[in-house]
Amino acid sequence: CPKTKLQMLFRGQNILGYKHYSDDV
């Protein structure tokens, strides 16, 4: 899919997990 922008969902400081991660992660 080189022509179409790909989008993701990101849980802020949780990223994709269930707790807060450090800023460098």
PDB file of all heavy atoms in Angstrom:
ATOM      1  N   CYS A   1       0.849  -1.208   0.000  1.00  0.00           N
ATOM      2  CA  CYS A   1       0.000   0.000   0.000  1.00  0.00           C
ATOM      3  C   CYS A   1       0.879   1.250   0.000  1.00  0.00           C
ATOM      4  O   CYS A   1       0.811   2.073   0.938  1.00  0.00           O
ATOM      5  CB  CYS A   1      -0.926   0.007   1.205  1.00  0.00           C
ATOM      6  SG  CYS A   1      -2.118  -1.339   1.262  1.00  0.00           S
ATOM      7  N   PRO A   2       1.682   1.434  -1.031  1.00  0.00           N
ATOM      8  CA  PRO A   2       2.606   2.580  -1.033  1.00  0.00           C
ATOM      9  C   PRO A   2       1.923   3.925  -1.252  1.00  0.00           C
ATOM     10  O   PRO A   2       2.495   4.969  -0.917  1.00  0.00           O
ATOM     11  CB  PRO A   2       3.551   2.250  -2.190  1.00  0.00           C
ATOM     12  CG  PRO A   2       2.727   1.420  -3.125  1.00  0.00           C
ATOM     13  CD  PRO A   2       1.845   0.588  -2.239  1.00  0.00           C
ATOM     14  N   LYS A   3       0.715   3.936  -1.793  1.00  0.00           N
ATOM     15  CA  LYS A   3       0.052   5.199  -2.132  1.00  0.00           C
ATOM     16  C   LYS A   3      -0.764   5.777  -0.980  1.00  0.00           C
ATOM     17  O   LYS A   3      -1.016   6.984  -0.945  1.00  0.00           O
ATOM     18  CB  LYS A   3      -0.885   4.995  -3.326  1.00  0.00           C
ATOM     19  CG  LYS A   3      -0.214   4.517  -4.596  1.00  0.00           C
ATOM     20  CD  LYS A   3      -1.265   4.285  -5.677  1.00  0.00           C
ATOM     21  CE  LYS A   3      -0.653   3.734  -6.944  1.00  0.00           C
ATOM     22  NZ  LYS A   3      -1.692   3.459  -7.973  1.00  0.00           N
ATOM     23  N   THR A   4      -1.206   4.940  -0.079  1.00  0.00           N
ATOM     24  CA  THR A   4      -2.154   5.351   0.952  1.00  0.00           C
ATOM     25  C   THR A   4      -1.464   5.491   2.299  1.00  0.00           C
ATOM     26  O   THR A   4      -0.668   4.629   2.686  1.00  0.00           O
ATOM     27  CB  THR A   4      -3.299   4.321   1.077  1.00  0.00           C
ATOM     28  OG1 THR A   4      -3.853   4.077  -0.218  1.00  0.00           O
ATOM     29  CG2 THR A   4      -4.398   4.829   1.999  1.00  0.00           C
ATOM     30  N   LYS A   5      -1.767   6.563   3.006  1.00  0.00           N
ATOM     31  CA  LYS A   5      -1.194   6.757   4.340  1.00  0.00           C
ATOM     32  C   LYS A   5      -1.690   5.661   5.280  1.00  0.00           C
ATOM     33  O   LYS A   5      -2.878   5.334   5.297  1.00  0.00           O
ATOM     34  CB  LYS A   5      -1.568   8.135   4.893  1.00  0.00           C
ATOM     35  CG  LYS A   5      -0.987   9.298   4.112  1.00  0.00           C
ATOM     36  CD  LYS A   5      -1.222  10.625   4.810  1.00  0.00           C
ATOM     37  CE  LYS A   5      -2.690  11.025   4.813  1.00  0.00           C
ATOM     38  NZ  LYS A   5      -3.172  11.359   3.474  1.00  0.00           N
ATOM     39  N   LEU A   6      -0.776   5.112   6.068  1.00  0.00           N
ATOM     40  CA  LEU A   6      -1.118   4.085   7.050  1.00  0.00           C
ATOM     41  C   LEU A   6      -1.236   4.735   8.431  1.00  0.00           C
ATOM     42  O   LEU A   6      -0.419   5.576   8.804  1.00  0.00           O
ATOM     43  CB  LEU A   6      -0.065   2.979   7.072  1.00  0.00           C
ATOM     44  CG  LEU A   6       0.147   2.212   5.763  1.00  0.00           C
ATOM     45  CD1 LEU A   6       1.124   1.058   5.980  1.00  0.00           C
ATOM     46  CD2 LEU A   6      -1.166   1.698   5.186  1.00  0.00           C
ATOM     47  N   GLN A   7      -2.235   4.302   9.166  1.00  0.00           N
ATOM     48  CA  GLN A   7      -2.562   4.929  10.449  1.00  0.00           C
ATOM     49  C   GLN A   7      -2.570   3.893  11.565  1.00  0.00           C
ATOM     50  O   GLN A   7      -2.920   2.733  11.345  1.00  0.00           O
ATOM     51  CB  GLN A   7      -3.942   5.587  10.346  1.00  0.00           C
ATOM     52  CG  GLN A   7      -4.415   6.314  11.589  1.00  0.00           C
ATOM     53  CD  GLN A   7      -5.705   7.075  11.335  1.00  0.00           C
ATOM     54  OE1 GLN A   7      -5.862   7.742  10.312  1.00  0.00           O
ATOM     55  NE2 GLN A   7      -6.632   6.980  12.260  1.00  0.00           N
ATOM     56  N   MET A   8      -2.194   4.334  12.768  1.00  0.00           N
ATOM     57  CA  MET A   8      -2.220   3.448  13.929  1.00  0.00           C
ATOM     58  C   MET A   8      -2.889   4.143  15.112  1.00  0.00           C
ATOM     59  O   MET A   8      -3.031   5.363  15.130  1.00  0.00           O
ATOM     60  CB  MET A   8      -0.810   3.010  14.312  1.00  0.00           C
ATOM     61  CG  MET A   8       0.024   4.092  15.001  1.00  0.00           C
ATOM     62  SD  MET A   8       1.563   3.465  15.758  1.00  0.00           S
ATOM     63  CE  MET A   8       0.908   2.451  17.077  1.00  0.00           C
ATOM     64  N   LEU A   9      -3.276   3.346  16.118  1.00  0.00           N
ATOM     65  CA  LEU A   9      -3.834   3.846  17.361  1.00  0.00           C
ATOM     66  C   LEU A   9      -2.812   3.648  18.469  1.00  0.00           C
ATOM     67  O   LEU A   9      -2.253   2.563  18.633  1.00  0.00           O
ATOM     68  CB  LEU A   9      -5.132   3.109  17.706  1.00  0.00           C
ATOM     69  CG  LEU A   9      -5.864   3.590  18.960  1.00  0.00           C
ATOM     70  CD1 LEU A   9      -6.376   5.010  18.773  1.00  0.00           C
ATOM     71  CD2 LEU A   9      -7.031   2.665  19.290  1.00  0.00           C
ATOM     72  N   PHE A  10      -2.588   4.700  19.250  1.00  0.00           N
ATOM     73  CA  PHE A  10      -1.484   4.756  20.213  1.00  0.00           C
ATOM     74  C   PHE A  10      -2.037   5.282  21.532  1.00  0.00           C
ATOM     75  O   PHE A  10      -2.636   6.363  21.570  1.00  0.00           O
ATOM     76  CB  PHE A  10      -0.431   5.713  19.638  1.00  0.00           C
ATOM     77  CG  PHE A  10       0.911   5.710  20.288  1.00  0.00           C
ATOM     78  CD1 PHE A  10       1.965   5.047  19.678  1.00  0.00           C
ATOM     79  CD2 PHE A  10       1.153   6.403  21.457  1.00  0.00           C
ATOM     80  CE1 PHE A  10       3.241   5.071  20.243  1.00  0.00           C
ATOM     81  CE2 PHE A  10       2.414   6.427  22.035  1.00  0.00           C
ATOM     82  CZ  PHE A  10       3.462   5.763  21.425  1.00  0.00           C
ATOM     83  N   ARG A  11      -1.845   4.523  22.639  1.00  0.00           N
ATOM     84  CA  ARG A  11      -2.452   4.888  23.919  1.00  0.00           C
ATOM     85  C   ARG A  11      -1.591   5.846  24.739  1.00  0.00           C
ATOM     86  O   ARG A  11      -1.376   5.652  25.932  1.00  0.00           O
ATOM     87  CB  ARG A  11      -2.736   3.626  24.739  1.00  0.00           C
ATOM     88  CG  ARG A  11      -3.737   2.685  24.113  1.00  0.00           C
ATOM     89  CD  ARG A  11      -3.845   1.397  24.906  1.00  0.00           C
ATOM     90  NE  ARG A  11      -4.671   0.408  24.225  1.00  0.00           N
ATOM     91  CZ  ARG A  11      -4.556  -0.902  24.354  1.00  0.00           C
ATOM     92  NH1 ARG A  11      -3.630  -1.403  25.156  1.00  0.00           N
ATOM     93  NH2 ARG A  11      -5.340  -1.734  23.701  1.00  0.00           N
ATOM     94  N   GLY A  12      -1.094   6.890  24.129  1.00  0.00           N
ATOM     95  CA  GLY A  12      -0.317   7.882  24.854  1.00  0.00           C
ATOM     96  C   GLY A  12       0.854   7.271  25.587  1.00  0.00           C
ATOM     97  O   GLY A  12       1.624   6.487  25.030  1.00  0.00           O
ATOM     98  N   GLN A  13       1.008   7.610  26.853  1.00  0.00           N
ATOM     99  CA  GLN A  13       2.141   7.108  27.626  1.00  0.00           C
ATOM    100  C   GLN A  13       2.053   5.606  27.851  1.00  0.00           C
ATOM    101  O   GLN A  13       3.032   4.967  28.214  1.00  0.00           O
ATOM    102  CB  GLN A  13       2.215   7.846  28.962  1.00  0.00           C
ATOM    103  CG  GLN A  13       3.608   7.935  29.551  1.00  0.00           C
ATOM    104  CD  GLN A  13       4.544   8.873  28.800  1.00  0.00           C
ATOM    105  OE1 GLN A  13       4.113   9.849  28.206  1.00  0.00           O
ATOM    106  NE2 GLN A  13       5.835   8.587  28.828  1.00  0.00           N
ATOM    107  N   ASN A  14       0.886   5.007  27.611  1.00  0.00           N
ATOM    108  CA  ASN A  14       0.745   3.540  27.707  1.00  0.00           C
ATOM    109  C   ASN A  14       1.212   2.835  26.438  1.00  0.00           C
ATOM    110  O   ASN A  14       1.324   1.610  26.420  1.00  0.00           O
ATOM    111  CB  ASN A  14      -0.719   3.162  27.945  1.00  0.00           C
ATOM    112  CG  ASN A  14      -1.197   3.489  29.337  1.00  0.00           C
ATOM    113  OD1 ASN A  14      -0.475   4.083  30.130  1.00  0.00           O
ATOM    114  ND2 ASN A  14      -2.417   3.123  29.647  1.00  0.00           N
ATOM    115  N   ILE A  15       1.422   3.571  25.356  1.00  0.00           N
ATOM    116  CA  ILE A  15       1.794   3.060  24.033  1.00  0.00           C
ATOM    117  C   ILE A  15       0.718   2.075  23.557  1.00  0.00           C
ATOM    118  O   ILE A  15      -0.336   2.498  23.120  1.00  0.00           O
ATOM    119  CB  ILE A  15       3.200   2.438  24.026  1.00  0.00           C
ATOM    120  CG1 ILE A  15       4.216   3.413  24.659  1.00  0.00           C
ATOM    121  CG2 ILE A  15       3.627   2.125  22.598  1.00  0.00           C
ATOM    122  CD1 ILE A  15       5.647   2.878  24.740  1.00  0.00           C
ATOM    123  N   LEU A  16       0.990   0.775  23.633  1.00  0.00           N
ATOM    124  CA  LEU A  16      -0.016  -0.239  23.303  1.00  0.00           C
ATOM    125  C   LEU A  16      -0.253  -1.171  24.483  1.00  0.00           C
ATOM    126  O   LEU A  16      -0.955  -2.170  24.357  1.00  0.00           O
ATOM    127  CB  LEU A  16       0.420  -1.078  22.085  1.00  0.00           C
ATOM    128  CG  LEU A  16       0.729  -0.315  20.811  1.00  0.00           C
ATOM    129  CD1 LEU A  16       1.173  -1.271  19.713  1.00  0.00           C
ATOM    130  CD2 LEU A  16      -0.458   0.504  20.351  1.00  0.00           C
ATOM    131  N   GLY A  17       0.361  -0.845  25.604  1.00  0.00           N
ATOM    132  CA  GLY A  17       0.280  -1.720  26.766  1.00  0.00           C
ATOM    133  C   GLY A  17      -0.738  -1.231  27.778  1.00  0.00           C
ATOM    134  O   GLY A  17      -1.681  -0.512  27.445  1.00  0.00           O
ATOM    135  N   TYR A  18      -0.511  -1.580  29.051  1.00  0.00           N
ATOM    136  CA  TYR A  18      -1.509  -1.333  30.083  1.00  0.00           C
ATOM    137  C   TYR A  18      -0.928  -0.608  31.287  1.00  0.00           C
ATOM    138  O   TYR A  18      -1.503  -0.617  32.366  1.00  0.00           O
ATOM    139  CB  TYR A  18      -2.143  -2.670  30.509  1.00  0.00           C
ATOM    140  CG  TYR A  18      -2.547  -3.482  29.304  1.00  0.00           C
ATOM    141  CD1 TYR A  18      -1.765  -4.544  28.861  1.00  0.00           C
ATOM    142  CD2 TYR A  18      -3.668  -3.131  28.561  1.00  0.00           C
ATOM    143  CE1 TYR A  18      -2.115  -5.252  27.729  1.00  0.00           C
ATOM    144  CE2 TYR A  18      -4.020  -3.835  27.427  1.00  0.00           C
ATOM    145  CZ  TYR A  18      -3.237  -4.892  27.020  1.00  0.00           C
ATOM    146  OH  TYR A  18      -3.570  -5.581  25.878  1.00  0.00           O
ATOM    147  N   LYS A  19       0.232   0.030  31.089  1.00  0.00           N
ATOM    148  CA  LYS A  19       0.840   0.844  32.145  1.00  0.00           C
ATOM    149  C   LYS A  19       1.601   1.978  31.462  1.00  0.00           C
ATOM    150  O   LYS A  19       1.742   1.998  30.235  1.00  0.00           O
ATOM    151  CB  LYS A  19       1.805   0.005  32.990  1.00  0.00           C
ATOM    152  CG  LYS A  19       3.044  -0.445  32.212  1.00  0.00           C
ATOM    153  CD  LYS A  19       4.094  -1.076  33.116  1.00  0.00           C
ATOM    154  CE  LYS A  19       5.389  -1.360  32.350  1.00  0.00           C
ATOM    155  NZ  LYS A  19       6.465  -1.855  33.215  1.00  0.00           N
ATOM    156  N   HIS A  20       2.068   2.937  32.241  1.00  0.00           N
ATOM    157  CA  HIS A  20       2.868   4.019  31.688  1.00  0.00           C
ATOM    158  C   HIS A  20       4.298   3.536  31.449  1.00  0.00           C
ATOM    159  O   HIS A  20       4.884   2.844  32.293  1.00  0.00           O
ATOM    160  CB  HIS A  20       2.873   5.214  32.636  1.00  0.00           C
ATOM    161  CG  HIS A  20       1.640   6.043  32.535  1.00  0.00           C
ATOM    162  ND1 HIS A  20       1.459   7.215  33.218  1.00  0.00           N
ATOM    163  CD2 HIS A  20       0.508   5.887  31.811  1.00  0.00           C
ATOM    164  CE1 HIS A  20       0.284   7.737  32.927  1.00  0.00           C
ATOM    165  NE2 HIS A  20      -0.311   6.929  32.083  1.00  0.00           N
ATOM    166  N   TYR A  21       4.841   3.938  30.311  1.00  0.00           N
ATOM    167  CA  TYR A  21       6.231   3.645  29.982  1.00  0.00           C
ATOM    168  C   TYR A  21       7.034   4.932  30.029  1.00  0.00           C
ATOM    169  O   TYR A  21       6.488   6.032  29.894  1.00  0.00           O
ATOM    170  CB  TYR A  21       6.329   2.986  28.600  1.00  0.00           C
ATOM    171  CG  TYR A  21       5.729   1.601  28.583  1.00  0.00           C
ATOM    172  CD1 TYR A  21       4.380   1.407  28.321  1.00  0.00           C
ATOM    173  CD2 TYR A  21       6.499   0.489  28.879  1.00  0.00           C
ATOM    174  CE1 TYR A  21       3.816   0.143  28.340  1.00  0.00           C
ATOM    175  CE2 TYR A  21       5.954  -0.783  28.902  1.00  0.00           C
ATOM    176  CZ  TYR A  21       4.606  -0.948  28.628  1.00  0.00           C
ATOM    177  OH  TYR A  21       4.052  -2.200  28.664  1.00  0.00           O
ATOM    178  N   SER A  22       8.338   4.778  30.209  1.00  0.00           N
ATOM    179  CA  SER A  22       9.212   5.944  30.304  1.00  0.00           C
ATOM    180  C   SER A  22       9.266   6.681  28.968  1.00  0.00           C
ATOM    181  O   SER A  22       8.961   6.127  27.907  1.00  0.00           O
ATOM    182  CB  SER A  22      10.615   5.508  30.720  1.00  0.00           C
ATOM    183  OG  SER A  22      11.147   4.608  29.755  1.00  0.00           O
ATOM    184  N   ASP A  23       9.683   7.931  29.019  1.00  0.00           N
ATOM    185  CA  ASP A  23       9.698   8.772  27.820  1.00  0.00           C
ATOM    186  C   ASP A  23      10.601   8.217  26.722  1.00  0.00           C
ATOM    187  O   ASP A  23      10.296   8.356  25.530  1.00  0.00           O
ATOM    188  CB  ASP A  23      10.153  10.188  28.184  1.00  0.00           C
ATOM    189  CG  ASP A  23       9.072  10.989  28.883  1.00  0.00           C
ATOM    190  OD1 ASP A  23       7.893  10.586  28.813  1.00  0.00           O
ATOM    191  OD2 ASP A  23       9.402  12.026  29.506  1.00  0.00           O
ATOM    192  N   ASP A  24      11.726   7.585  27.103  1.00  0.00           N
ATOM    193  CA  ASP A  24      12.620   7.075  26.062  1.00  0.00           C
ATOM    194  C   ASP A  24      11.998   5.893  25.323  1.00  0.00           C
ATOM    195  O   ASP A  24      12.234   5.708  24.118  1.00  0.00           O
ATOM    196  CB  ASP A  24      13.989   6.701  26.638  1.00  0.00           C
ATOM    197  CG  ASP A  24      13.935   5.547  27.627  1.00  0.00           C
ATOM    198  OD1 ASP A  24      12.957   5.478  28.403  1.00  0.00           O
ATOM    199  OD2 ASP A  24      14.870   4.711  27.624  1.00  0.00           O
ATOM    200  N   VAL A  25      11.172   5.091  26.004  1.00  0.00           N
ATOM    201  CA  VAL A  25      10.480   3.983  25.338  1.00  0.00           C
ATOM    202  C   VAL A  25       9.402   4.529  24.401  1.00  0.00           C
ATOM    203  O   VAL A  25       9.234   4.047  23.272  1.00  0.00           O
ATOM    204  CB  VAL A  25       9.872   3.004  26.370  1.00  0.00           C
ATOM    205  CG1 VAL A  25       9.073   1.906  25.672  1.00  0.00           C
ATOM    206  CG2 VAL A  25      10.978   2.387  27.210  1.00  0.00           C
TER     207      VAL A  25
END
